[in-house]
Protein backbone atom coordinates (compact mmCIF):
# COMPACT_ATOMS: atom_id res chain seq x y z
CA MET A 1 81.58 80.26 111.55
CA HIS A 2 79.18 83.13 110.95
CA ARG A 3 76.09 82.28 108.88
CA LYS A 4 77.08 84.78 106.17
CA SER A 5 80.65 83.49 105.92
CA PRO A 6 80.18 81.37 102.76
CA ALA A 7 78.59 84.29 100.89
CA ILE A 8 81.29 86.75 102.00
CA ILE A 9 84.07 84.36 100.95
CA ALA A 10 82.42 83.73 97.57
CA ASP A 11 82.01 87.47 96.92
CA GLU A 12 85.55 88.26 98.08
CA ARG A 13 86.93 85.69 95.64
CA ARG A 14 84.69 86.97 92.85
CA TYR A 15 85.78 90.60 93.36
CA ALA A 16 89.52 89.92 93.87
CA PRO A 17 91.65 90.96 90.90
CA VAL A 18 93.47 87.95 89.45
CA ASP A 19 97.06 87.85 88.26
CA THR A 20 98.39 84.60 89.72
CA GLY A 21 95.28 83.72 91.73
CA ALA A 22 97.19 83.89 95.03
CA LEU A 23 95.14 86.83 96.36
CA ARG A 24 91.87 85.07 95.62
CA GLU A 25 93.06 81.84 97.24
CA SER A 26 94.36 83.65 100.36
CA SER A 27 90.94 84.55 101.72
CA GLN A 28 90.35 83.31 105.24
CA PRO A 29 86.99 82.23 106.66
CA PRO A 30 85.40 85.13 108.57
CA ARG A 31 85.32 84.61 112.32
CA LEU A 32 83.70 86.23 115.30
CA GLY A 33 85.99 88.13 117.62
CA GLY A 34 86.41 91.39 119.46
CA GLU A 35 85.03 92.18 122.88
CA GLY A 36 82.10 89.89 123.51
CA GLY A 37 82.66 88.00 120.26
CA HIS A 38 80.23 90.17 118.30
CA ASP A 39 82.59 91.54 115.64
CA LEU A 40 82.91 89.74 112.31
CA ILE A 41 86.61 89.64 111.43
CA ILE A 42 87.42 89.40 107.72
CA GLU A 43 91.02 88.58 106.73
CA ASN A 44 93.13 87.79 103.70
CA SER A 45 96.56 86.26 104.33
CA ALA A 46 98.24 87.60 101.17
CA PRO A 47 100.88 90.08 102.42
CA TYR A 48 99.93 92.57 99.69
CA ALA A 49 96.13 92.35 100.15
CA ARG A 50 95.92 95.74 101.91
CA TRP A 51 97.79 97.43 99.05
CA VAL A 52 95.32 96.03 96.54
CA GLU A 53 92.30 96.89 98.72
CA PHE A 54 93.34 100.47 99.56
CA GLY A 55 95.84 101.43 96.81
CA HIS A 56 99.51 102.33 97.26
CA TRP A 57 102.48 104.27 95.99
CA THR A 58 105.18 102.47 94.01
CA PRO A 59 108.70 102.49 95.50
CA ALA A 60 110.86 105.60 95.02
CA GLU A 61 113.84 103.35 94.37
CA ILE A 62 114.05 100.11 92.42
CA ASN A 63 117.21 97.98 92.52
CA GLY A 64 119.18 100.93 93.89
CA HIS A 65 118.06 103.32 91.14
CA PRO A 66 115.73 106.27 91.61
CA ALA A 67 112.27 105.70 90.23
CA GLN A 68 109.26 107.90 89.67
CA GLN A 69 106.65 107.19 92.32
CA THR A 70 103.21 106.56 90.95
CA TRP A 71 99.89 105.94 92.65
CA VAL A 72 98.38 102.52 92.06
CA PRO A 73 94.64 102.93 92.61
CA PRO A 74 92.73 100.56 94.87
CA SER A 75 90.92 97.48 93.61
CA PRO A 76 88.58 96.80 96.53
CA PHE A 77 87.50 93.21 96.99
CA LEU A 78 87.02 92.72 100.75
CA ARG A 79 84.89 95.77 101.49
CA PRO A 80 82.44 95.21 98.61
CA ALA A 81 81.96 91.59 99.72
CA VAL A 82 81.03 92.73 103.23
CA TRP A 83 78.90 95.66 101.98
CA ARG A 84 76.88 93.34 99.75
CA GLU A 85 76.08 91.04 102.65
CA ARG A 86 75.21 93.93 104.95
CA ALA A 87 72.82 95.36 102.36
CA GLY A 88 71.17 92.00 101.73
């Protein structure tokens, strides 16, 4: 485990928006990977984590009926956790 892993996990959980708590509890411990093992890989196992982090459009159809697409803005939680540790 990377030495900054506990701080990144704590910040990720602090910044994650909470509805059911599933997103916050789906954070995975950062690990080293990539070529040479020098990249810090940050993951969240919630299938919708990327939509929360980067924003998304709502479906154009709901239950077979047309729907107005709207943009749901991002609520970043992973990137700020990493940025904070990089700055510190």
